[in-house]
Protein backbone atom coordinates (compact mmCIF):
# COMPACT_ATOMS: atom_id res chain seq x y z
CA MET A 1 -73.86 19.02 156.10
CA VAL A 2 -71.59 20.97 158.55
CA TYR A 3 -70.76 18.27 160.10
CA ASN A 4 -69.71 16.80 156.67
CA LEU A 5 -67.85 20.31 155.81
CA THR A 6 -65.98 20.10 159.48
CA PHE A 7 -64.59 15.83 158.60
CA VAL A 8 -63.54 17.11 154.88
CA CYS A 9 -61.80 20.56 156.24
CA HIS A 10 -60.19 17.91 158.88
CA ASN A 11 -59.08 15.61 155.95
CA ILE A 12 -58.38 18.27 152.69
CA LEU A 13 -54.72 18.51 153.96
CA ALA A 14 -54.17 14.48 153.96
CA ILE A 15 -55.87 14.73 150.20
CA LEU A 16 -53.79 17.69 148.83
CA LYS A 17 -50.46 15.68 149.93
CA GLY A 18 -51.51 13.49 146.81
CA LEU A 19 -52.34 16.40 144.53
CA SER A 20 -48.54 17.15 143.51
CA LEU A 21 -47.99 13.77 142.19
CA THR A 22 -51.61 13.92 140.39
CA ILE A 23 -50.65 16.71 138.83
CA GLU A 24 -47.37 15.39 137.92
CA ILE A 25 -48.92 11.89 136.67
CA ILE A 26 -51.23 14.10 134.61
CA PHE A 27 -48.66 16.10 132.39
CA VAL A 28 -45.54 13.74 132.17
CA THR A 29 -48.63 11.17 130.52
CA ILE A 30 -49.94 13.47 128.20
CA SER A 31 -46.24 14.75 127.56
CA ILE A 32 -45.32 11.47 126.62
CA GLY A 33 -48.62 10.83 124.43
CA LEU A 34 -47.62 14.64 122.65
CA PHE A 35 -43.88 13.35 121.87
CA LEU A 36 -45.25 9.74 120.55
CA GLY A 37 -47.69 10.76 119.20
CA ILE A 38 -46.99 13.48 116.55
CA PRO A 39 -44.17 10.81 115.06
CA VAL A 40 -46.97 8.17 114.86
CA ALA A 41 -49.59 10.61 112.90
CA SER A 42 -46.60 11.59 110.61
CA ILE A 43 -45.73 7.99 109.86
CA GLN A 44 -49.49 7.15 109.00
CA VAL A 45 -49.76 9.95 106.50
CA PHE A 46 -46.59 10.18 104.82
CA ILE A 47 -44.41 7.54 105.38
CA TRP A 48 -43.99 4.15 103.27
CA ARG A 49 -47.39 2.19 103.61
CA PRO A 50 -46.05 -1.19 105.35
CA ILE A 51 -44.45 1.12 108.29
CA ALA A 52 -47.84 2.95 108.55
CA ALA A 53 -49.48 -0.38 108.81
CA VAL A 54 -47.56 -0.81 111.73
CA MET A 55 -48.22 2.70 113.64
CA TYR A 56 -51.88 1.60 112.85
CA VAL A 57 -51.85 -1.62 114.64
CA TYR A 58 -50.09 -0.28 117.10
CA GLU A 59 -52.66 2.76 118.19
CA ARG A 60 -55.86 0.35 117.76
CA ILE A 61 -54.34 -2.16 120.05
CA LEU A 62 -53.65 0.69 122.52
CA ARG A 63 -56.78 2.24 121.97
CA GLY A 64 -59.09 -1.11 121.76
CA VAL A 65 -57.85 -2.46 125.10
CA PRO A 66 -59.40 -0.96 128.59
CA VAL A 67 -56.14 1.35 130.45
CA LEU A 68 -56.42 -0.89 133.29
CA PHE A 69 -55.41 -3.69 131.32
CA SER A 70 -52.58 -1.57 130.07
CA ILE A 71 -51.23 -0.30 133.24
CA PHE A 72 -51.80 -4.38 134.69
CA LEU A 73 -49.66 -5.79 131.92
CA ILE A 74 -46.21 -3.45 131.89
CA TYR A 75 -46.59 -3.57 135.75
CA PHE A 76 -47.17 -7.42 136.28
CA GLY A 77 -45.20 -8.30 132.79
CA ALA A 78 -41.83 -5.80 133.30
CA PRO A 79 -40.61 -8.48 136.33
CA ALA A 80 -41.46 -11.74 133.77
CA ILE A 81 -38.67 -10.20 131.36
CA ASN A 82 -36.77 -8.93 134.35
CA VAL A 83 -37.26 -5.35 134.07
CA GLU A 84 -38.06 -3.78 137.47
CA LEU A 85 -40.32 -0.79 137.38
CA SER A 86 -42.01 1.04 140.20
CA ALA A 87 -45.63 1.44 140.60
CA PHE A 88 -45.51 4.94 139.32
CA LEU A 89 -43.22 4.42 136.12
CA SER A 90 -45.49 1.50 135.29
CA GLY A 91 -48.58 3.80 135.51
CA ILE A 92 -47.21 6.77 133.43
CA ILE A 93 -45.84 4.14 130.84
CA ALA A 94 -48.85 2.53 130.26
CA LEU A 95 -51.30 5.94 130.33
CA GLY A 96 -48.50 7.78 128.41
CA LEU A 97 -48.75 4.73 125.74
CA ARG A 98 -52.76 5.20 125.76
CA SER A 99 -52.55 9.31 125.43
CA SER A 100 -50.09 8.37 122.31
CA ALA A 101 -52.39 6.14 120.34
CA TYR A 102 -55.25 8.87 120.84
CA GLN A 103 -53.03 11.55 120.41
CA SER A 104 -52.00 10.50 116.62
CA GLN A 105 -55.33 10.27 115.73
CA ILE A 106 -55.98 13.65 116.98
CA PHE A 107 -52.95 14.94 115.00
CA ARG A 108 -53.46 12.69 112.28
CA GLY A 109 -56.52 14.40 111.61
CA SER A 110 -55.17 17.94 111.75
CA ILE A 111 -52.06 17.25 109.63
CA GLN A 112 -54.55 16.32 106.75
CA SER A 113 -56.70 19.06 106.83
CA VAL A 114 -53.26 21.21 105.82
CA GLY A 115 -53.81 21.96 102.20
CA LYS A 116 -52.04 19.71 99.57
CA GLY A 117 -51.36 22.71 97.50
CA GLN A 118 -48.94 23.99 99.87
CA LEU A 119 -47.35 20.63 100.34
CA GLU A 120 -46.93 20.38 96.31
CA ALA A 121 -45.39 23.91 96.41
CA ALA A 122 -42.60 22.96 99.04
CA GLU A 123 -41.76 19.76 97.29
CA SER A 124 -41.53 22.17 93.89
CA VAL A 125 -39.06 24.20 95.69
CA GLY A 126 -36.71 21.45 96.61
CA MET A 127 -37.95 20.80 100.31
CA THR A 128 -37.33 17.56 101.63
CA LYS A 129 -40.35 15.85 103.54
CA LEU A 130 -39.09 15.51 106.65
CA LYS A 131 -38.35 19.70 106.15
CA ILE A 132 -42.15 20.08 104.99
CA ILE A 133 -43.29 18.34 107.82
CA ARG A 134 -41.32 19.89 110.35
CA LYS A 135 -41.75 23.59 109.03
CA ILE A 136 -45.24 23.51 106.91
CA VAL A 137 -47.01 20.71 108.31
CA LEU A 138 -46.62 20.95 112.33
CA PRO A 139 -46.92 24.33 112.74
CA GLN A 140 -50.45 24.18 111.51
CA ALA A 141 -51.46 21.15 112.65
CA LEU A 142 -50.41 21.83 116.13
CA ARG A 143 -52.61 24.72 116.28
CA ARG A 144 -55.64 23.18 114.49
CA ALA A 145 -55.43 20.25 116.93
CA LEU A 146 -56.40 22.55 120.19
CA PRO A 147 -60.26 21.97 120.31
CA ALA A 148 -59.51 18.00 120.12
CA TRP A 149 -56.58 18.31 122.32
CA SER A 150 -58.61 19.86 125.38
CA ASN A 151 -60.53 16.35 125.29
CA GLU A 152 -57.61 14.39 125.69
CA TRP A 153 -56.67 16.84 128.52
CA SER A 154 -60.09 15.85 130.53
CA THR A 155 -59.96 12.09 129.60
CA MET A 156 -55.89 12.16 130.91
CA VAL A 157 -56.99 14.14 134.18
CA LYS A 158 -59.73 11.30 134.66
CA ASP A 159 -57.17 8.47 133.92
CA SER A 160 -54.85 9.50 136.02
CA SER A 161 -56.42 7.95 139.37
CA LEU A 162 -56.99 4.59 137.80
CA VAL A 163 -52.72 4.08 139.04
CA TYR A 164 -53.79 3.55 142.74
CA VAL A 165 -54.85 0.43 141.87
CA ILE A 166 -51.30 -0.74 141.57
CA GLY A 167 -50.16 1.40 144.54
CA VAL A 168 -49.25 4.71 143.55
CA VAL A 169 -50.15 6.82 146.34
CA GLU A 170 -51.55 9.98 144.75
CA MET A 171 -54.96 11.74 145.51
CA MET A 172 -57.40 9.20 144.55
CA THR A 173 -55.45 6.73 146.63
CA ARG A 174 -55.07 8.84 149.45
CA ALA A 175 -58.78 9.73 149.49
CA LYS A 176 -59.36 6.17 149.73
CA MET A 177 -57.29 5.55 152.66
CA ILE A 178 -59.05 7.91 154.53
CA VAL A 179 -62.36 6.14 153.58
CA ASP A 180 -61.07 2.75 154.55
CA ARG A 181 -60.10 4.26 157.75
CA THR A 182 -63.47 6.25 158.75
CA GLY A 183 -65.84 4.76 156.92
CA LYS A 184 -67.19 7.95 155.57
CA ALA A 185 -67.33 8.11 151.41
CA ILE A 186 -69.36 10.34 150.52
CA PRO A 187 -68.19 13.30 151.51
CA ILE A 188 -64.46 12.50 151.20
CA LEU A 189 -65.06 11.41 147.59
CA LEU A 190 -67.00 14.61 146.38
CA ALA A 191 -64.59 16.81 147.82
CA VAL A 192 -61.83 14.41 145.39
CA ALA A 193 -64.62 15.09 142.16
CA LEU A 194 -64.53 18.95 143.04
CA ILE A 195 -60.60 18.84 142.72
CA TYR A 196 -60.90 16.73 139.90
CA LEU A 197 -63.62 19.03 138.23
CA ILE A 198 -60.97 22.02 139.00
CA ILE A 199 -58.05 20.48 137.20
CA THR A 200 -60.05 19.75 134.46
CA ALA A 201 -61.74 23.31 133.82
CA THR A 202 -58.24 25.17 134.64
CA GLY A 203 -56.63 23.19 131.89
CA ASN A 204 -59.46 23.54 129.24
CA LYS A 205 -59.52 27.24 130.06
CA VAL A 206 -56.03 27.37 129.56
CA LEU A 207 -55.96 25.76 125.94
CA ARG A 208 -58.95 27.66 125.00
CA TYR A 209 -56.98 31.10 125.98
CA LEU A 210 -53.66 29.43 123.61
CA GLU A 211 -56.71 28.36 120.85
CA LYS A 212 -57.64 31.77 120.74
CA LYS A 213 -54.23 33.45 120.86
CA THR A 214 -52.72 30.98 117.96
CA SER A 215 -56.02 30.85 116.09
CA ILE A 216 -55.81 32.66 112.24
CA PRO A 217 -59.10 34.08 111.01
CA GLY A 218 -60.30 32.14 108.06
CA VAL A 219 -58.03 28.98 108.60
CA THR A 220 -58.31 28.29 112.46
CA ILE A 221 -61.41 26.80 113.38
CA ARG A 222 -62.70 28.61 116.60
CA ARG A 223 -65.13 27.28 119.00
């Protein structure tokens, strides 16, 4: 055990060199998912049915195929249409699109939870549909989405490691390089797992704090 701890401590700096890239992947992809997921959800709830059907197909496909398939499709498919993408960019596009599909369903549920009476009242005073969404629906929907959104954070932390398959040198890739060089997998993998657990727990704690701070008694469901 002492030997394993010494071995991990000796290699921890090499692992942590990939931590900043892992954090960047998580935040960039979850941001892409947020900014695409909200419009997709809003279209599904409020917009003309044929357009909503397109969004339905979009999120069903992205939620229905493995994440690795999306990563490989973008990484190897982009050159086929004369588009050059780096491994990093291919990875965050694939993960971001996947996140947008799942987040769209989180926000769709929270949007539909907003009382229809509020929408009817807003329409009665002449507010446009876009203004109703922006001023009335989204502020409430975003707040109500926080509990489910913490699950998406946990998922994105884990999925961020998948980009190692296309050569992005993030934390998991660096750990694999150490394992390949030394042949000692267990202590290194346990150390990496602990780091991922810390990232997940920290993000969930922040989201729980935001949920508590933005809760409205009798309106927001608190865990």
